[in-house]
Protein backbone atom coordinates (compact mmCIF):
# COMPACT_ATOMS: atom_id res chain seq x y z
CA MET A 1 -36.57 -61.79 40.19
CA PRO A 2 -35.07 -57.88 41.06
CA ARG A 3 -31.28 -57.65 40.19
CA MET A 4 -28.92 -57.85 42.93
CA VAL A 5 -26.92 -54.90 43.19
CA ASN A 6 -22.97 -55.06 43.74
CA LYS A 7 -21.92 -52.78 46.26
CA GLU A 8 -18.55 -51.52 44.52
CA GLU A 9 -19.80 -51.71 41.19
CA LYS A 10 -22.87 -49.04 42.57
CA ILE A 11 -20.22 -46.56 44.44
CA ASP A 12 -17.78 -46.73 41.37
CA TYR A 13 -20.85 -45.37 39.25
CA ILE A 14 -21.91 -43.12 41.77
CA CYS A 15 -17.89 -41.40 42.07
CA ASP A 16 -17.78 -41.68 38.46
CA GLU A 17 -21.14 -39.40 37.88
CA ALA A 18 -19.98 -37.05 40.70
CA TYR A 19 -16.55 -36.75 39.05
CA ASN A 20 -17.96 -35.73 35.66
CA ALA A 21 -20.47 -33.63 37.51
CA PHE A 22 -17.26 -31.78 39.76
CA VAL A 23 -15.59 -30.88 36.36
CA GLU A 24 -18.34 -29.61 34.94
CA ASN A 25 -19.65 -27.26 37.59
CA GLY A 26 -17.11 -27.33 40.40
CA ILE A 27 -17.17 -28.74 44.00
CA ASP A 28 -17.83 -25.00 45.27
CA LYS A 29 -21.58 -25.00 42.94
CA PHE A 30 -22.24 -28.85 43.39
CA SER A 31 -25.55 -29.47 44.46
CA LEU A 32 -25.64 -32.75 46.42
CA ASN A 33 -29.59 -33.10 46.50
CA LYS A 34 -29.39 -32.18 42.43
CA PHE A 35 -26.98 -34.80 42.16
CA ILE A 36 -28.93 -37.06 43.73
CA THR A 37 -31.86 -36.28 41.87
CA ASP A 38 -29.95 -36.70 38.22
CA ILE A 39 -28.24 -39.80 38.96
CA LYS A 40 -32.02 -40.94 39.82
CA MET A 41 -31.60 -42.41 43.37
CA SER A 42 -33.43 -42.01 45.91
CA LYS A 43 -31.74 -40.19 49.23
CA GLY A 44 -32.28 -43.11 51.38
CA GLN A 45 -30.56 -45.32 48.53
CA PHE A 46 -27.80 -42.26 48.30
CA TYR A 47 -27.15 -42.23 52.23
CA HIS A 48 -26.41 -45.93 51.99
CA TYR A 49 -23.22 -45.70 50.42
CA PHE A 50 -22.23 -41.71 51.44
CA SER A 51 -23.07 -40.37 54.92
CA THR A 52 -21.60 -36.88 53.77
CA LYS A 53 -21.07 -35.02 50.95
CA GLU A 54 -17.61 -34.45 51.88
CA GLN A 55 -17.30 -38.17 51.86
CA LEU A 56 -18.15 -38.65 48.16
CA ILE A 57 -15.30 -35.96 47.11
CA TYR A 58 -12.93 -38.17 49.40
CA GLN A 59 -13.79 -41.03 47.23
CA VAL A 60 -13.92 -39.52 43.97
CA MET A 61 -10.50 -37.96 44.61
CA SER A 62 -9.12 -41.24 45.72
CA LYS A 63 -10.44 -43.20 43.32
CA LYS A 64 -9.48 -40.81 40.59
CA SER A 65 -5.50 -40.33 42.29
CA PHE A 66 -4.94 -44.24 42.51
CA GLU A 67 -6.23 -44.49 39.12
CA LEU A 68 -3.73 -42.06 37.77
CA MET A 69 -0.97 -43.49 40.30
CA ASN A 70 -2.11 -47.15 38.40
CA LYS A 71 -1.61 -45.96 35.17
CA ILE A 72 1.85 -44.52 35.70
CA LYS A 73 2.81 -47.88 37.33
CA GLU A 74 2.10 -49.26 33.69
CA LYS A 75 3.74 -46.99 31.94
CA TYR A 76 6.91 -46.47 34.05
CA LYS A 77 8.00 -50.10 33.51
CA TYR A 78 8.69 -49.11 29.87
CA GLU A 79 10.90 -45.74 30.34
CA GLU A 80 13.91 -46.07 30.91
CA SER A 81 16.26 -42.24 31.27
CA TYR A 82 15.67 -40.35 34.38
CA ILE A 83 14.04 -37.18 32.90
CA ASN A 84 11.04 -39.43 31.39
CA LYS A 85 10.51 -41.23 34.90
CA ILE A 86 11.14 -37.87 36.76
CA ASN A 87 8.31 -36.39 34.37
CA LEU A 88 5.96 -39.48 34.42
CA ILE A 89 6.05 -39.28 38.79
CA PHE A 90 4.69 -35.82 38.21
CA GLU A 91 2.00 -36.32 35.35
CA ILE A 92 -0.04 -34.94 37.14
CA TYR A 93 1.82 -31.28 37.60
CA LEU A 94 2.87 -31.70 33.67
CA ASN A 95 0.11 -33.39 31.61
CA GLU A 96 -2.04 -30.50 29.84
CA ASP A 97 -4.43 -33.55 28.25
CA LYS A 98 -8.19 -32.37 29.37
CA PRO A 99 -8.35 -35.33 31.76
CA TYR A 100 -5.08 -34.32 33.56
CA VAL A 101 -6.04 -30.96 33.85
CA ASP A 102 -9.74 -31.29 34.81
CA LEU A 103 -8.08 -33.31 37.96
CA ARG A 104 -5.52 -30.44 38.69
CA LYS A 105 -8.71 -28.17 39.17
CA LEU A 106 -9.79 -30.70 41.39
CA TYR A 107 -6.89 -30.52 43.57
CA ILE A 108 -7.16 -27.42 43.85
CA ASN A 109 -10.53 -27.08 45.10
CA THR A 110 -9.58 -29.88 47.17
CA LEU A 111 -6.52 -28.88 48.82
CA HIS A 112 -7.90 -27.72 52.25
CA MET A 113 -9.77 -31.27 53.02
CA TYR A 114 -6.47 -32.49 52.65
CA ILE A 115 -4.27 -30.48 54.39
CA THR A 116 -6.20 -29.33 57.79
CA SER A 117 -8.34 -32.82 58.09
CA ASP A 118 -8.08 -34.56 61.25
CA ASP A 119 -10.46 -37.78 59.35
CA LYS A 120 -8.16 -40.89 59.65
CA GLU A 121 -9.23 -41.86 56.08
CA ILE A 122 -7.90 -38.98 54.99
CA LYS A 123 -4.53 -39.09 56.45
CA GLU A 124 -4.00 -42.34 55.59
CA PHE A 125 -4.98 -41.60 52.01
CA ASN A 126 -2.08 -39.05 52.01
CA THR A 127 0.20 -41.19 53.79
CA ASN A 128 -0.18 -44.17 51.23
CA LEU A 129 -0.43 -41.81 48.57
CA TYR A 130 3.03 -40.16 49.33
CA LYS A 131 4.68 -43.27 50.69
CA THR A 132 4.01 -44.46 46.61
CA ILE A 133 5.57 -41.33 45.05
CA PHE A 134 8.42 -41.36 47.52
CA LYS A 135 9.15 -45.36 46.63
CA TYR A 136 9.29 -44.23 42.84
CA LEU A 137 11.61 -41.70 43.68
CA GLU A 138 14.00 -43.63 45.84
CA GLN A 139 14.31 -46.29 43.10
CA LEU A 140 14.60 -43.95 40.28
CA PHE A 141 18.16 -42.50 41.92
CA ASP A 142 18.76 -46.35 42.80
CA ASP A 143 18.52 -46.78 39.23
CA GLU A 144 20.50 -43.75 38.27
CA ILE A 145 23.14 -44.94 40.83
CA GLN A 146 23.56 -48.46 40.14
CA LYS A 147 23.92 -47.21 36.18
CA GLY A 148 26.65 -44.62 37.42
CA ASN A 149 24.52 -41.85 36.28
CA PHE A 150 24.58 -40.35 39.50
CA GLN A 151 26.46 -40.10 42.68
CA PRO A 152 25.35 -42.35 45.71
CA GLU A 153 25.07 -39.49 48.04
CA SER A 154 22.60 -38.10 45.37
CA LYS A 155 19.66 -39.94 46.84
CA ASN A 156 19.08 -38.15 49.65
CA LEU A 157 17.48 -35.20 47.61
CA ALA A 158 15.04 -37.84 46.78
CA LYS A 159 11.76 -37.17 49.23
CA ALA A 160 12.85 -33.49 49.14
CA LEU A 161 12.45 -33.34 45.77
CA CYS A 162 8.77 -34.11 45.91
CA SER A 163 7.98 -31.36 48.62
CA THR A 164 9.81 -28.58 46.11
CA ALA A 165 7.86 -30.05 43.39
CA ASP A 166 4.24 -29.72 45.39
CA GLY A 167 5.85 -26.07 46.53
CA MET A 168 5.40 -25.47 42.46
CA PHE A 169 2.38 -26.68 42.72
CA LEU A 170 1.01 -24.44 45.51
CA LEU A 171 2.64 -21.15 43.73
CA SER A 172 0.85 -21.81 40.48
CA VAL A 173 -2.00 -21.70 42.78
CA MET A 174 -1.17 -18.67 44.34
CA ILE A 175 0.44 -16.70 41.82
CA GLU A 176 -1.12 -15.37 38.35
CA ASN A 177 0.95 -16.49 35.16
CA TYR A 178 3.33 -18.93 37.23
CA ASP A 179 4.58 -21.33 34.15
CA LEU A 180 4.38 -24.43 36.34
CA LYS A 181 5.28 -26.85 33.40
CA THR A 182 8.38 -24.82 32.32
CA GLU A 183 9.96 -24.18 36.31
CA LEU A 184 9.21 -27.98 36.72
CA SER A 185 11.45 -29.16 33.76
CA ASN A 186 13.77 -26.57 34.77
CA TYR A 187 14.26 -27.87 38.31
CA PHE A 188 14.12 -31.61 37.36
CA SER A 189 17.20 -30.89 34.79
CA GLU A 190 19.02 -28.61 37.84
CA ILE A 191 18.63 -32.03 40.06
CA GLU A 192 19.92 -34.32 37.26
CA LYS A 193 23.15 -31.81 36.91
CA LEU A 194 23.85 -31.89 40.38
CA SER A 195 23.21 -35.42 41.06
CA LYS A 196 26.02 -36.03 38.66
CA LYS A 197 28.70 -34.40 40.39
CA TYR A 198 27.13 -34.08 43.28
């Protein structure tokens, strides 16, 4: 009797294989036809799960982003200080381990898709991702205020902090030799000082 294929498992498998191909070859050089052959599927089977190359890219990036957010959620529970928590929230920009470096490269390659897209799914993804980040930032400031470390008015800085960090990331893409890790670390330290005497 033929084995029943679990659709979610198959999508996960395709996404994981596609991620490896994106990292190895870059999204610009990614050939969908070659990829379908490499994973030993027919075009008909592949298009049962994904209708376009763009949909595959979106699904891969969504999966990897939420895997990262789940790791952060798990580690966040055990952190105590502002600086450790803020570094964790923006770990994708700060961590130099290979998985983070690979994912950053793919963020750069897909940036145009997420900034200019009218696709409902992509817009929903952006909204949900930033809602999660804002929630963690606001909770971080609430915790520091409750501990008496930050002034109550400092919470107004929470969302702007995210915009500034993303802006610094864009600068690191556009400007040669921009040291994102150092600039972000200095900025987070300045926010801490400002919040204490706000």
